[in-house]
Amino acid sequence: MDLTNGDIRISFDFDDTLSLPSVQEVAKELIEYGFDVIIVTSRKSDGDNFDIEEVAQDLGVDLVFYTEYDLKFTWLKTLICDIHIDNDRNELMHISRFSDVVGIDVTNESWEYELKNILLCL
């Protein structure tokens, strides 16, 4: 299989994940390398989401998906994500058990290394 970066979709949770400037820098690099980066948050779409919209605009992320407090694994399959980065271990456990999406725990201090290794294997 010959994938280009644009064929790989990487989703980021927002709260305590993409809300962190250090994680935003990684997302920015991925976008610069041509990866398809989206935001998938558990928040409700009709809530106060100015912070998410602002970060999405700053990074150039075109798709922000609100799960309305549903577990993310079902939506990640629908959104055809390859990798999801999150801080919620419950979400990551469900992603691992019930989907083919690779979950990465941003609370793990080696998460960036893990991400790079996964991308090298694709």
PDB file of N, CA and C in Angstrom:
ATOM      1  N   MET A   1       0.845  -1.176   0.000  1.00  0.00           N
ATOM      2  CA  MET A   1       0.000   0.000   0.000  1.00  0.00           C
ATOM      3  C   MET A   1       0.890   1.239   0.000  1.00  0.00           C
ATOM      4  N   ASP A   2       0.639   2.153  -0.885  1.00  0.00           N
ATOM      5  CA  ASP A   2       1.439   3.360  -1.009  1.00  0.00           C
ATOM      6  C   ASP A   2       0.606   4.561  -0.555  1.00  0.00           C
ATOM      7  N   LEU A   3       0.753   4.926   0.708  1.00  0.00           N
ATOM      8  CA  LEU A   3      -0.027   6.027   1.256  1.00  0.00           C
ATOM      9  C   LEU A   3       0.739   7.335   1.143  1.00  0.00           C
ATOM     10  N   THR A   4       0.029   8.407   0.911  1.00  0.00           N
ATOM     11  CA  THR A   4       0.606   9.738   1.058  1.00  0.00           C
ATOM     12  C   THR A   4       0.102  10.290   2.382  1.00  0.00           C
ATOM     13  N   ASN A   5       0.750  11.322   2.870  1.00  0.00           N
ATOM     14  CA  ASN A   5       0.348  11.895   4.152  1.00  0.00           C
ATOM     15  C   ASN A   5      -1.117  12.298   4.158  1.00  0.00           C
ATOM     16  N   GLY A   6      -1.613  12.803   3.039  1.00  0.00           N
ATOM     17  CA  GLY A   6      -3.003  13.243   2.950  1.00  0.00           C
ATOM     18  C   GLY A   6      -4.002  12.119   3.060  1.00  0.00           C
ATOM     19  N   ASP A   7      -3.542  10.872   2.902  1.00  0.00           N
ATOM     20  CA  ASP A   7      -4.425   9.714   3.047  1.00  0.00           C
ATOM     21  C   ASP A   7      -4.597   9.297   4.503  1.00  0.00           C
ATOM     22  N   ILE A   8      -3.840   9.901   5.391  1.00  0.00           N
ATOM     23  CA  ILE A   8      -3.867   9.521   6.805  1.00  0.00           C
ATOM     24  C   ILE A   8      -4.572  10.615   7.596  1.00  0.00           C
ATOM     25  N   ARG A   9      -5.673  10.242   8.249  1.00  0.00           N
ATOM     26  CA  ARG A   9      -6.464  11.201   9.035  1.00  0.00           C
ATOM     27  C   ARG A   9      -6.148  10.996  10.512  1.00  0.00           C
ATOM     28  N   ILE A  10      -5.747  12.080  11.156  1.00  0.00           N
ATOM     29  CA  ILE A  10      -5.403  12.072  12.573  1.00  0.00           C
ATOM     30  C   ILE A  10      -6.365  13.006  13.295  1.00  0.00           C
ATOM     31  N   SER A  11      -7.065  12.459  14.283  1.00  0.00           N
ATOM     32  CA  SER A  11      -7.999  13.279  15.049  1.00  0.00           C
ATOM     33  C   SER A  11      -7.432  13.563  16.431  1.00  0.00           C
ATOM     34  N   PHE A  12      -7.775  14.722  16.922  1.00  0.00           N
ATOM     35  CA  PHE A  12      -7.361  15.166  18.254  1.00  0.00           C
ATOM     36  C   PHE A  12      -8.598  15.478  19.076  1.00  0.00           C
ATOM     37  N   ASP A  13      -8.611  15.005  20.308  1.00  0.00           N
ATOM     38  CA  ASP A  13      -9.566  15.495  21.300  1.00  0.00           C
ATOM     39  C   ASP A  13      -9.185  16.949  21.567  1.00  0.00           C
ATOM     40  N   PHE A  14     -10.088  17.713  22.146  1.00  0.00           N
ATOM     41  CA  PHE A  14      -9.735  19.105  22.429  1.00  0.00           C
ATOM     42  C   PHE A  14      -9.357  19.328  23.885  1.00  0.00           C
ATOM     43  N   ASP A  15     -10.284  19.136  24.814  1.00  0.00           N
ATOM     44  CA  ASP A  15     -10.038  19.490  26.213  1.00  0.00           C
ATOM     45  C   ASP A  15      -8.896  18.669  26.798  1.00  0.00           C
ATOM     46  N   ASP A  16      -7.916  19.369  27.339  1.00  0.00           N
ATOM     47  CA  ASP A  16      -6.721  18.770  27.932  1.00  0.00           C
ATOM     48  C   ASP A  16      -5.900  17.964  26.929  1.00  0.00           C
ATOM     49  N   THR A  17      -6.119  18.222  25.650  1.00  0.00           N
ATOM     50  CA  THR A  17      -5.313  17.610  24.590  1.00  0.00           C
ATOM     51  C   THR A  17      -4.923  18.723  23.618  1.00  0.00           C
ATOM     52  N   LEU A  18      -5.734  18.988  22.613  1.00  0.00           N
ATOM     53  CA  LEU A  18      -5.389  20.036  21.655  1.00  0.00           C
ATOM     54  C   LEU A  18      -5.502  21.437  22.253  1.00  0.00           C
ATOM     55  N   SER A  19      -6.097  21.551  23.426  1.00  0.00           N
ATOM     56  CA  SER A  19      -6.126  22.842  24.107  1.00  0.00           C
ATOM     57  C   SER A  19      -4.735  23.226  24.627  1.00  0.00           C
ATOM     58  N   LEU A  20      -3.824  22.248  24.693  1.00  0.00           N
ATOM     59  CA  LEU A  20      -2.465  22.487  25.187  1.00  0.00           C
ATOM     60  C   LEU A  20      -1.574  23.009  24.056  1.00  0.00           C
ATOM     61  N   PRO A  21      -0.859  24.113  24.277  1.00  0.00           N
ATOM     62  CA  PRO A  21       0.008  24.665  23.231  1.00  0.00           C
ATOM     63  C   PRO A  21       1.031  23.659  22.685  1.00  0.00           C
ATOM     64  N   SER A  22       1.565  22.796  23.533  1.00  0.00           N
ATOM     65  CA  SER A  22       2.558  21.818  23.065  1.00  0.00           C
ATOM     66  C   SER A  22       1.934  20.825  22.088  1.00  0.00           C
ATOM     67  N   VAL A  23       0.686  20.458  22.307  1.00  0.00           N
ATOM     68  CA  VAL A  23      -0.011  19.540  21.407  1.00  0.00           C
ATOM     69  C   VAL A  23      -0.396  20.276  20.124  1.00  0.00           C
ATOM     70  N   GLN A  24      -0.747  21.543  20.249  1.00  0.00           N
ATOM     71  CA  GLN A  24      -1.046  22.348  19.064  1.00  0.00           C
ATOM     72  C   GLN A  24       0.165  22.420  18.136  1.00  0.00           C
ATOM     73  N   GLU A  25       1.356  22.498  18.698  1.00  0.00           N
ATOM     74  CA  GLU A  25       2.570  22.528  17.879  1.00  0.00           C
ATOM     75  C   GLU A  25       2.731  21.236  17.078  1.00  0.00           C
ATOM     76  N   VAL A  26       2.435  20.101  17.701  1.00  0.00           N
ATOM     77  CA  VAL A  26       2.513  18.818  16.997  1.00  0.00           C
ATOM     78  C   VAL A  26       1.477  18.782  15.878  1.00  0.00           C
ATOM     79  N   ALA A  27       0.259  19.221  16.179  1.00  0.00           N
ATOM     80  CA  ALA A  27      -0.800  19.246  15.156  1.00  0.00           C
ATOM     81  C   ALA A  27      -0.394  20.144  13.993  1.00  0.00           C
ATOM     82  N   LYS A  28       0.187  21.280  14.303  1.00  0.00           N
ATOM     83  CA  LYS A  28       0.625  22.211  13.261  1.00  0.00           C
ATOM     84  C   LYS A  28       1.669  21.548  12.358  1.00  0.00           C
ATOM     85  N   GLU A  29       2.620  20.826  12.957  1.00  0.00           N
ATOM     86  CA  GLU A  29       3.634  20.117  12.173  1.00  0.00           C
ATOM     87  C   GLU A  29       2.994  19.064  11.264  1.00  0.00           C
ATOM     88  N   LEU A  30       2.040  18.318  11.817  1.00  0.00           N
ATOM     89  CA  LEU A  30       1.366  17.289  11.021  1.00  0.00           C
ATOM     90  C   LEU A  30       0.653  17.902   9.823  1.00  0.00           C
ATOM     91  N   ILE A  31      -0.007  19.021  10.044  1.00  0.00           N
ATOM     92  CA  ILE A  31      -0.699  19.716   8.960  1.00  0.00           C
ATOM     93  C   ILE A  31       0.306  20.197   7.915  1.00  0.00           C
ATOM     94  N   GLU A  32       1.436  20.732   8.375  1.00  0.00           N
ATOM     95  CA  GLU A  32       2.475  21.197   7.444  1.00  0.00           C
ATOM     96  C   GLU A  32       3.019  20.046   6.604  1.00  0.00           C
ATOM     97  N   TYR A  33       3.077  18.851   7.178  1.00  0.00           N
ATOM     98  CA  TYR A  33       3.535  17.666   6.444  1.00  0.00           C
ATOM     99  C   TYR A  33       2.444  17.068   5.558  1.00  0.00           C
ATOM    100  N   GLY A  34       1.257  17.652   5.609  1.00  0.00           N
ATOM    101  CA  GLY A  34       0.193  17.224   4.706  1.00  0.00           C
ATOM    102  C   GLY A  34      -0.782  16.207   5.266  1.00  0.00           C
ATOM    103  N   PHE A  35      -0.697  15.899   6.552  1.00  0.00           N
ATOM    104  CA  PHE A  35      -1.655  14.970   7.147  1.00  0.00           C
ATOM    105  C   PHE A  35      -3.009  15.650   7.285  1.00  0.00           C
ATOM    106  N   ASP A  36      -4.075  14.862   7.212  1.00  0.00           N
ATOM    107  CA  ASP A  36      -5.433  15.348   7.381  1.00  0.00           C
ATOM    108  C   ASP A  36      -5.737  15.349   8.875  1.00  0.00           C
ATOM    109  N   VAL A  37      -5.785  16.520   9.488  1.00  0.00           N
ATOM    110  CA  VAL A  37      -5.985  16.659  10.925  1.00  0.00           C
ATOM    111  C   VAL A  37      -7.380  17.217  11.186  1.00  0.00           C
ATOM    112  N   ILE A  38      -8.103  16.553  12.107  1.00  0.00           N
ATOM    113  CA  ILE A  38      -9.433  17.015  12.500  1.00  0.00           C
ATOM    114  C   ILE A  38      -9.522  17.040  14.026  1.00  0.00           C
ATOM    115  N   ILE A  39     -10.572  17.656  14.527  1.00  0.00           N
ATOM    116  CA  ILE A  39     -10.844  17.690  15.963  1.00  0.00           C
ATOM    117  C   ILE A  39     -12.124  16.907  16.211  1.00  0.00           C
ATOM    118  N   VAL A  40     -12.074  15.983  17.177  1.00  0.00           N
ATOM    119  CA  VAL A  40     -13.254  15.225  17.599  1.00  0.00           C
ATOM    120  C   VAL A  40     -13.377  15.411  19.107  1.00  0.00           C
ATOM    121  N   THR A  41     -14.412  16.110  19.518  1.00  0.00           N
ATOM    122  CA  THR A  41     -14.613  16.420  20.925  1.00  0.00           C
ATOM    123  C   THR A  41     -15.937  15.856  21.418  1.00  0.00           C
ATOM    124  N   SER A  42     -15.982  15.528  22.685  1.00  0.00           N
ATOM    125  CA  SER A  42     -17.219  15.021  23.295  1.00  0.00           C
ATOM    126  C   SER A  42     -18.239  16.126  23.554  1.00  0.00           C
ATOM    127  N   ARG A  43     -17.836  17.344  23.435  1.00  0.00           N
ATOM    128  CA  ARG A  43     -18.732  18.469  23.740  1.00  0.00           C
ATOM    129  C   ARG A  43     -19.984  18.477  22.860  1.00  0.00           C
ATOM    130  N   LYS A  44     -20.965  19.240  23.336  1.00  0.00           N
ATOM    131  CA  LYS A  44     -22.185  19.470  22.563  1.00  0.00           C
ATOM    132  C   LYS A  44     -21.916  20.603  21.571  1.00  0.00           C
ATOM    133  N   SER A  45     -22.483  20.478  20.400  1.00  0.00           N
ATOM    134  CA  SER A  45     -22.252  21.468  19.353  1.00  0.00           C
ATOM    135  C   SER A  45     -22.903  22.816  19.658  1.00  0.00           C
ATOM    136  N   ASP A  46     -23.929  22.817  20.494  1.00  0.00           N
ATOM    137  CA  ASP A  46     -24.625  24.072  20.778  1.00  0.00           C
ATOM    138  C   ASP A  46     -24.105  24.756  22.039  1.00  0.00           C
ATOM    139  N   GLY A  47     -22.960  24.292  22.553  1.00  0.00           N
ATOM    140  CA  GLY A  47     -22.377  24.899  23.748  1.00  0.00           C
ATOM    141  C   GLY A  47     -21.446  26.045  23.404  1.00  0.00           C
ATOM    142  N   ASP A  48     -20.753  26.532  24.419  1.00  0.00           N
ATOM    143  CA  ASP A  48     -19.774  27.597  24.246  1.00  0.00           C
ATOM    144  C   ASP A  48     -18.474  26.967  23.750  1.00  0.00           C
ATOM    145  N   ASN A  49     -18.262  27.000  22.451  1.00  0.00           N
ATOM    146  CA  ASN A  49     -17.125  26.323  21.831  1.00  0.00           C
ATOM    147  C   ASN A  49     -16.172  27.295  21.139  1.00  0.00           C
ATOM    148  N   PHE A  50     -16.175  28.518  21.588  1.00  0.00           N
ATOM    149  CA  PHE A  50     -15.322  29.526  20.966  1.00  0.00           C
ATOM    150  C   PHE A  50     -13.855  29.113  21.001  1.00  0.00           C
ATOM    151  N   ASP A  51     -13.424  28.510  22.120  1.00  0.00           N
ATOM    152  CA  ASP A  51     -12.018  28.123  22.246  1.00  0.00           C
ATOM    153  C   ASP A  51     -11.627  27.075  21.203  1.00  0.00           C
ATOM    154  N   ILE A  52     -12.510  26.123  20.954  1.00  0.00           N
ATOM    155  CA  ILE A  52     -12.232  25.096  19.944  1.00  0.00           C
ATOM    156  C   ILE A  52     -12.171  25.724  18.561  1.00  0.00           C
ATOM    157  N   GLU A  53     -13.159  26.545  18.246  1.00  0.00           N
ATOM    158  CA  GLU A  53     -13.222  27.169  16.929  1.00  0.00           C
ATOM    159  C   GLU A  53     -12.010  28.064  16.683  1.00  0.00           C
ATOM    160  N   GLU A  54     -11.556  28.747  17.719  1.00  0.00           N
ATOM    161  CA  GLU A  54     -10.394  29.620  17.592  1.00  0.00           C
ATOM    162  C   GLU A  54      -9.126  28.812  17.294  1.00  0.00           C
ATOM    163  N   VAL A  55      -8.910  27.721  18.027  1.00  0.00           N
ATOM    164  CA  VAL A  55      -7.739  26.882  17.787  1.00  0.00           C
ATOM    165  C   VAL A  55      -7.823  26.241  16.401  1.00  0.00           C
ATOM    166  N   ALA A  56      -9.003  25.762  16.033  1.00  0.00           N
ATOM    167  CA  ALA A  56      -9.175  25.160  14.710  1.00  0.00           C
ATOM    168  C   ALA A  56      -8.810  26.167  13.616  1.00  0.00           C
ATOM    169  N   GLN A  57      -9.270  27.379  13.756  1.00  0.00           N
ATOM    170  CA  GLN A  57      -8.967  28.410  12.757  1.00  0.00           C
ATOM    171  C   GLN A  57      -7.470  28.726  12.743  1.00  0.00           C
ATOM    172  N   ASP A  58      -6.863  28.864  13.921  1.00  0.00           N
ATOM    173  CA  ASP A  58      -5.429  29.168  13.997  1.00  0.00           C
ATOM    174  C   ASP A  58      -4.584  28.082  13.339  1.00  0.00           C
ATOM    175  N   LEU A  59      -4.994  26.818  13.504  1.00  0.00           N
ATOM    176  CA  LEU A  59      -4.234  25.700  12.950  1.00  0.00           C
ATOM    177  C   LEU A  59      -4.584  25.423  11.488  1.00  0.00           C
ATOM    178  N   GLY A  60      -5.741  25.876  11.061  1.00  0.00           N
ATOM    179  CA  GLY A  60      -6.204  25.563   9.711  1.00  0.00           C
ATOM    180  C   GLY A  60      -6.915  24.224   9.644  1.00  0.00           C
ATOM    181  N   VAL A  61      -7.532  23.818  10.751  1.00  0.00           N
ATOM    182  CA  VAL A  61      -8.305  22.572  10.797  1.00  0.00           C
ATOM    183  C   VAL A  61      -9.702  22.861  10.274  1.00  0.00           C
ATOM    184  N   ASP A  62     -10.109  22.124   9.241  1.00  0.00           N
ATOM    185  CA  ASP A  62     -11.392  22.378   8.595  1.00  0.00           C
ATOM    186  C   ASP A  62     -12.569  21.664   9.250  1.00  0.00           C
ATOM    187  N   LEU A  63     -12.314  20.536   9.918  1.00  0.00           N
ATOM    188  CA  LEU A  63     -13.410  19.744  10.475  1.00  0.00           C
ATOM    189  C   LEU A  63     -13.310  19.655  11.990  1.00  0.00           C
ATOM    190  N   VAL A  64     -14.350  20.149  12.662  1.00  0.00           N
ATOM    191  CA  VAL A  64     -14.514  19.972  14.106  1.00  0.00           C
ATOM    192  C   VAL A  64     -15.798  19.183  14.278  1.00  0.00           C
ATOM    193  N   PHE A  65     -15.687  18.017  14.918  1.00  0.00           N
ATOM    194  CA  PHE A  65     -16.846  17.151  15.089  1.00  0.00           C
ATOM    195  C   PHE A  65     -17.183  17.049  16.570  1.00  0.00           C
ATOM    196  N   TYR A  66     -18.440  17.305  16.900  1.00  0.00           N
ATOM    197  CA  TYR A  66     -18.946  17.252  18.271  1.00  0.00           C
ATOM    198  C   TYR A  66     -19.743  15.969  18.440  1.00  0.00           C
ATOM    199  N   THR A  67     -19.359  15.112  19.407  1.00  0.00           N
ATOM    200  CA  THR A  67     -20.053  13.836  19.580  1.00  0.00           C
ATOM    201  C   THR A  67     -21.288  13.966  20.464  1.00  0.00           C
ATOM    202  N   GLU A  68     -21.522  15.137  21.022  1.00  0.00           N
ATOM    203  CA  GLU A  68     -22.696  15.354  21.891  1.00  0.00           C
ATOM    204  C   GLU A  68     -22.663  14.411  23.092  1.00  0.00           C
ATOM    205  N   TYR A  69     -21.476  14.184  23.631  1.00  0.00           N
ATOM    206  CA  TYR A  69     -21.205  13.336  24.796  1.00  0.00           C
ATOM    207  C   TYR A  69     -21.276  11.843  24.513  1.00  0.00           C
ATOM    208  N   ASP A  70     -21.400  11.449  23.250  1.00  0.00           N
ATOM    209  CA  ASP A  70     -21.287  10.029  22.905  1.00  0.00           C
ATOM    210  C   ASP A  70     -19.822   9.616  22.968  1.00  0.00           C
ATOM    211  N   LEU A  71     -19.584   8.318  23.169  1.00  0.00           N
ATOM    212  CA  LEU A  71     -18.216   7.822  23.083  1.00  0.00           C
ATOM    213  C   LEU A  71     -17.690   8.043  21.666  1.00  0.00           C
ATOM    214  N   LYS A  72     -16.435   8.318  21.552  1.00  0.00           N
ATOM    215  CA  LYS A  72     -15.860   8.721  20.264  1.00  0.00           C
ATOM    216  C   LYS A  72     -15.633   7.571  19.296  1.00  0.00           C
ATOM    217  N   PHE A  73     -15.470   6.341  19.774  1.00  0.00           N
ATOM    218  CA  PHE A  73     -15.049   5.265  18.880  1.00  0.00           C
ATOM    219  C   PHE A  73     -15.996   5.059  17.699  1.00  0.00           C
ATOM    220  N   THR A  74     -17.292   5.197  17.913  1.00  0.00           N
ATOM    221  CA  THR A  74     -18.220   4.993  16.795  1.00  0.00           C
ATOM    222  C   THR A  74     -18.078   6.099  15.755  1.00  0.00           C
ATOM    223  N   TRP A  75     -17.852   7.300  16.212  1.00  0.00           N
ATOM    224  CA  TRP A  75     -17.715   8.428  15.299  1.00  0.00           C
ATOM    225  C   TRP A  75     -16.379   8.394  14.573  1.00  0.00           C
ATOM    226  N   LEU A  76     -15.332   7.920  15.236  1.00  0.00           N
ATOM    227  CA  LEU A  76     -14.021   7.849  14.589  1.00  0.00           C
ATOM    228  C   LEU A  76     -14.045   6.893  13.409  1.00  0.00           C
ATOM    229  N   LYS A  77     -14.828   5.822  13.538  1.00  0.00           N
ATOM    230  CA  LYS A  77     -14.976   4.898  12.411  1.00  0.00           C
ATOM    231  C   LYS A  77     -15.724   5.585  11.267  1.00  0.00           C
ATOM    232  N   THR A  78     -16.788   6.284  11.595  1.00  0.00           N
ATOM    233  CA  THR A  78     -17.580   6.991  10.590  1.00  0.00           C
ATOM    234  C   THR A  78     -16.763   8.079   9.899  1.00  0.00           C
ATOM    235  N   LEU A  79     -15.918   8.749  10.662  1.00  0.00           N
ATOM    236  CA  LEU A  79     -15.098   9.835  10.129  1.00  0.00           C
ATOM    237  C   LEU A  79     -13.832   9.321   9.432  1.00  0.00           C
ATOM    238  N   ILE A  80     -13.658   8.009   9.428  1.00  0.00           N
ATOM    239  CA  ILE A  80     -12.529   7.328   8.790  1.00  0.00           C
ATOM    240  C   ILE A  80     -11.189   7.868   9.309  1.00  0.00           C
ATOM    241  N   CYS A  81     -11.052   7.835  10.626  1.00  0.00           N
ATOM    242  CA  CYS A  81      -9.804   8.257  11.262  1.00  0.00           C
ATOM    243  C   CYS A  81      -8.860   7.065  11.368  1.00  0.00           C
ATOM    244  N   ASP A  82      -7.586   7.355  11.240  1.00  0.00           N
ATOM    245  CA  ASP A  82      -6.565   6.320  11.403  1.00  0.00           C
ATOM    246  C   ASP A  82      -5.967   6.346  12.798  1.00  0.00           C
ATOM    247  N   ILE A  83      -5.793   7.547  13.337  1.00  0.00           N
ATOM    248  CA  ILE A  83      -5.165   7.750  14.639  1.00  0.00           C
ATOM    249  C   ILE A  83      -5.998   8.769  15.403  1.00  0.00           C
ATOM    250  N   HIS A  84      -6.181   8.523  16.706  1.00  0.00           N
ATOM    251  CA  HIS A  84      -6.868   9.502  17.554  1.00  0.00           C
ATOM    252  C   HIS A  84      -6.006   9.756  18.778  1.00  0.00           C
ATOM    253  N   ILE A  85      -5.811  11.040  19.090  1.00  0.00           N
ATOM    254  CA  ILE A  85      -4.992  11.451  20.229  1.00  0.00           C
ATOM    255  C   ILE A  85      -5.909  12.061  21.271  1.00  0.00           C
ATOM    256  N   ASP A  86      -5.824  11.535  22.502  1.00  0.00           N
ATOM    257  CA  ASP A  86      -6.774  11.903  23.552  1.00  0.00           C
ATOM    258  C   ASP A  86      -6.097  11.783  24.904  1.00  0.00           C
ATOM    259  N   ASN A  87      -6.712  12.371  25.932  1.00  0.00           N
ATOM    260  CA  ASN A  87      -6.213  12.232  27.299  1.00  0.00           C
ATOM    261  C   ASN A  87      -7.119  11.343  28.152  1.00  0.00           C
ATOM    262  N   ASP A  88      -8.240  10.934  27.621  1.00  0.00           N
ATOM    263  CA  ASP A  88      -9.238  10.183  28.382  1.00  0.00           C
ATOM    264  C   ASP A  88      -9.018   8.680  28.189  1.00  0.00           C
ATOM    265  N   ARG A  89      -8.576   8.028  29.239  1.00  0.00           N
ATOM    266  CA  ARG A  89      -8.249   6.598  29.143  1.00  0.00           C
ATOM    267  C   ARG A  89      -9.479   5.743  28.855  1.00  0.00           C
ATOM    268  N   ASN A  90     -10.644   6.153  29.326  1.00  0.00           N
ATOM    269  CA  ASN A  90     -11.872   5.423  29.026  1.00  0.00           C
ATOM    270  C   ASN A  90     -12.162   5.482  27.525  1.00  0.00           C
ATOM    271  N   GLU A  91     -12.053   6.661  26.945  1.00  0.00           N
ATOM    272  CA  GLU A  91     -12.245   6.803  25.498  1.00  0.00           C
ATOM    273  C   GLU A  91     -11.227   5.945  24.745  1.00  0.00           C
ATOM    274  N   LEU A  92      -9.972   6.016  25.156  1.00  0.00           N
ATOM    275  CA  LEU A  92      -8.911   5.264  24.479  1.00  0.00           C
ATOM    276  C   LEU A  92      -9.120   3.758  24.589  1.00  0.00           C
ATOM    277  N   MET A  93      -9.624   3.295  25.734  1.00  0.00           N
ATOM    278  CA  MET A  93      -9.910   1.866  25.899  1.00  0.00           C
ATOM    279  C   MET A  93     -11.002   1.429  24.927  1.00  0.00           C
ATOM    280  N   HIS A  94     -12.060   2.211  24.812  1.00  0.00           N
ATOM    281  CA  HIS A  94     -13.144   1.880  23.883  1.00  0.00           C
ATOM    282  C   HIS A  94     -12.663   1.925  22.432  1.00  0.00           C
ATOM    283  N   ILE A  95     -11.840   2.894  22.112  1.00  0.00           N
ATOM    284  CA  ILE A  95     -11.283   2.992  20.756  1.00  0.00           C
ATOM    285  C   ILE A  95     -10.471   1.736  20.441  1.00  0.00           C
ATOM    286  N   SER A  96      -9.658   1.326  21.381  1.00  0.00           N
ATOM    287  CA  SER A  96      -8.816   0.138  21.194  1.00  0.00           C
ATOM    288  C   SER A  96      -9.635  -1.136  21.046  1.00  0.00           C
ATOM    289  N   ARG A  97     -10.686  -1.265  21.836  1.00  0.00           N
ATOM    290  CA  ARG A  97     -11.483  -2.496  21.849  1.00  0.00           C
ATOM    291  C   ARG A  97     -12.468  -2.598  20.701  1.00  0.00           C
ATOM    292  N   PHE A  98     -13.003  -1.485  20.265  1.00  0.00           N
ATOM    293  CA  PHE A  98     -14.138  -1.529  19.352  1.00  0.00           C
ATOM    294  C   PHE A  98     -13.913  -0.859  17.992  1.00  0.00           C
ATOM    295  N   SER A  99     -12.665  -0.549  17.664  1.00  0.00           N
ATOM    296  CA  SER A  99     -12.395   0.048  16.361  1.00  0.00           C
ATOM    297  C   SER A  99     -10.987  -0.319  15.908  1.00  0.00           C
ATOM    298  N   ASP A 100     -10.697   0.014  14.669  1.00  0.00           N
ATOM    299  CA  ASP A 100      -9.353  -0.184  14.121  1.00  0.00           C
ATOM    300  C   ASP A 100      -8.512   1.085  14.230  1.00  0.00           C
ATOM    301  N   VAL A 101      -9.053   2.102  14.863  1.00  0.00           N
ATOM    302  CA  VAL A 101      -8.343   3.365  15.031  1.00  0.00           C
ATOM    303  C   VAL A 101      -7.260   3.175  16.096  1.00  0.00           C
ATOM    304  N   VAL A 102      -6.081   3.708  15.838  1.00  0.00           N
ATOM    305  CA  VAL A 102      -4.988   3.646  16.809  1.00  0.00           C
ATOM    306  C   VAL A 102      -5.150   4.815  17.768  1.00  0.00           C
ATOM    307  N   GLY A 103      -5.285   4.512  19.046  1.00  0.00           N
ATOM    308  CA  GLY A 103      -5.413   5.544  20.068  1.00  0.00           C
ATOM    309  C   GLY A 103      -4.074   5.849  20.706  1.00  0.00           C
ATOM    310  N   ILE A 104      -3.811   7.117  20.920  1.00  0.00           N
ATOM    311  CA  ILE A 104      -2.576   7.546  21.571  1.00  0.00           C
ATOM    312  C   ILE A 104      -2.944   8.399  22.778  1.00  0.00           C
ATOM    313  N   ASP A 105      -2.363   8.039  23.918  1.00  0.00           N
ATOM    314  CA  ASP A 105      -2.638   8.720  25.181  1.00  0.00           C
ATOM    315  C   ASP A 105      -1.670   9.890  25.350  1.00  0.00           C
ATOM    316  N   VAL A 106      -2.189  11.099  25.233  1.00  0.00           N
ATOM    317  CA  VAL A 106      -1.362  12.296  25.318  1.00  0.00           C
ATOM    318  C   VAL A 106      -0.803  12.501  26.727  1.00  0.00           C
ATOM    319  N   THR A 107      -1.338  11.794  27.734  1.00  0.00           N
ATOM    320  CA  THR A 107      -0.790  11.916  29.088  1.00  0.00           C
ATOM    321  C   THR A 107       0.472  11.076  29.262  1.00  0.00           C
ATOM    322  N   ASN A 108       0.740  10.192  28.305  1.00  0.00           N
ATOM    323  CA  ASN A 108       1.967   9.400  28.317  1.00  0.00           C
ATOM    324  C   ASN A 108       3.096  10.305  27.828  1.00  0.00           C
ATOM    325  N   GLU A 109       4.151  10.436  28.600  1.00  0.00           N
ATOM    326  CA  GLU A 109       5.205  11.380  28.238  1.00  0.00           C
ATOM    327  C   GLU A 109       5.909  11.043  26.924  1.00  0.00           C
ATOM    328  N   SER A 110       5.772   9.815  26.445  1.00  0.00           N
ATOM    329  CA  SER A 110       6.405   9.441  25.175  1.00  0.00           C
ATOM    330  C   SER A 110       5.398   9.393  24.024  1.00  0.00           C
ATOM    331  N   TRP A 111       4.272  10.097  24.158  1.00  0.00           N
ATOM    332  CA  TRP A 111       3.220  10.027  23.137  1.00  0.00           C
ATOM    333  C   TRP A 111       3.695  10.516  21.770  1.00  0.00           C
ATOM    334  N   GLU A 112       4.548  11.535  21.739  1.00  0.00           N
ATOM    335  CA  GLU A 112       5.030  12.034  20.449  1.00  0.00           C
ATOM    336  C   GLU A 112       5.907  10.988  19.755  1.00  0.00           C
ATOM    337  N   TYR A 113       6.743  10.323  20.515  1.00  0.00           N
ATOM    338  CA  TYR A 113       7.582   9.255  19.985  1.00  0.00           C
ATOM    339  C   TYR A 113       6.716   8.118  19.445  1.00  0.00           C
ATOM    340  N   GLU A 114       5.685   7.757  20.211  1.00  0.00           N
ATOM    341  CA  GLU A 114       4.750   6.713  19.776  1.00  0.00           C
ATOM    342  C   GLU A 114       4.069   7.105  18.461  1.00  0.00           C
ATOM    343  N   LEU A 115       3.630   8.352  18.361  1.00  0.00           N
ATOM    344  CA  LEU A 115       2.993   8.847  17.148  1.00  0.00           C
ATOM    345  C   LEU A 115       3.939   8.750  15.956  1.00  0.00           C
ATOM    346  N   LYS A 116       5.170   9.187  16.126  1.00  0.00           N
ATOM    347  CA  LYS A 116       6.137   9.146  15.020  1.00  0.00           C
ATOM    348  C   LYS A 116       6.396   7.707  14.583  1.00  0.00           C
ATOM    349  N   ASN A 117       6.498   6.790  15.539  1.00  0.00           N
ATOM    350  CA  ASN A 117       6.718   5.385  15.183  1.00  0.00           C
ATOM    351  C   ASN A 117       5.540   4.798  14.405  1.00  0.00           C
ATOM    352  N   ILE A 118       4.342   5.156  14.809  1.00  0.00           N
ATOM    353  CA  ILE A 118       3.144   4.670  14.089  1.00  0.00           C
ATOM    354  C   ILE A 118       3.137   5.226  12.678  1.00  0.00           C
ATOM    355  N   LEU A 119       3.437   6.493  12.531  1.00  0.00           N
ATOM    356  CA  LEU A 119       3.432   7.109  11.194  1.00  0.00           C
ATOM    357  C   LEU A 119       4.497   6.506  10.294  1.00  0.00           C
ATOM    358  N   LEU A 120       5.609   6.107  10.860  1.00  0.00           N
ATOM    359  CA  LEU A 120       6.667   5.456  10.073  1.00  0.00           C
ATOM    360  C   LEU A 120       6.246   4.082   9.581  1.00  0.00           C
ATOM    361  N   CYS A 121       5.343   3.439  10.316  1.00  0.00           N
ATOM    362  CA  CYS A 121       4.890   2.090   9.957  1.00  0.00           C
ATOM    363  C   CYS A 121       3.757   2.092   8.936  1.00  0.00           C
ATOM    364  N   LEU A 122       3.123   3.224   8.712  1.00  0.00           N
ATOM    365  CA  LEU A 122       1.996   3.287   7.768  1.00  0.00           C
ATOM    366  C   LEU A 122       2.472   3.385   6.339  1.00  0.00           C
TER     367      LEU A 122
END
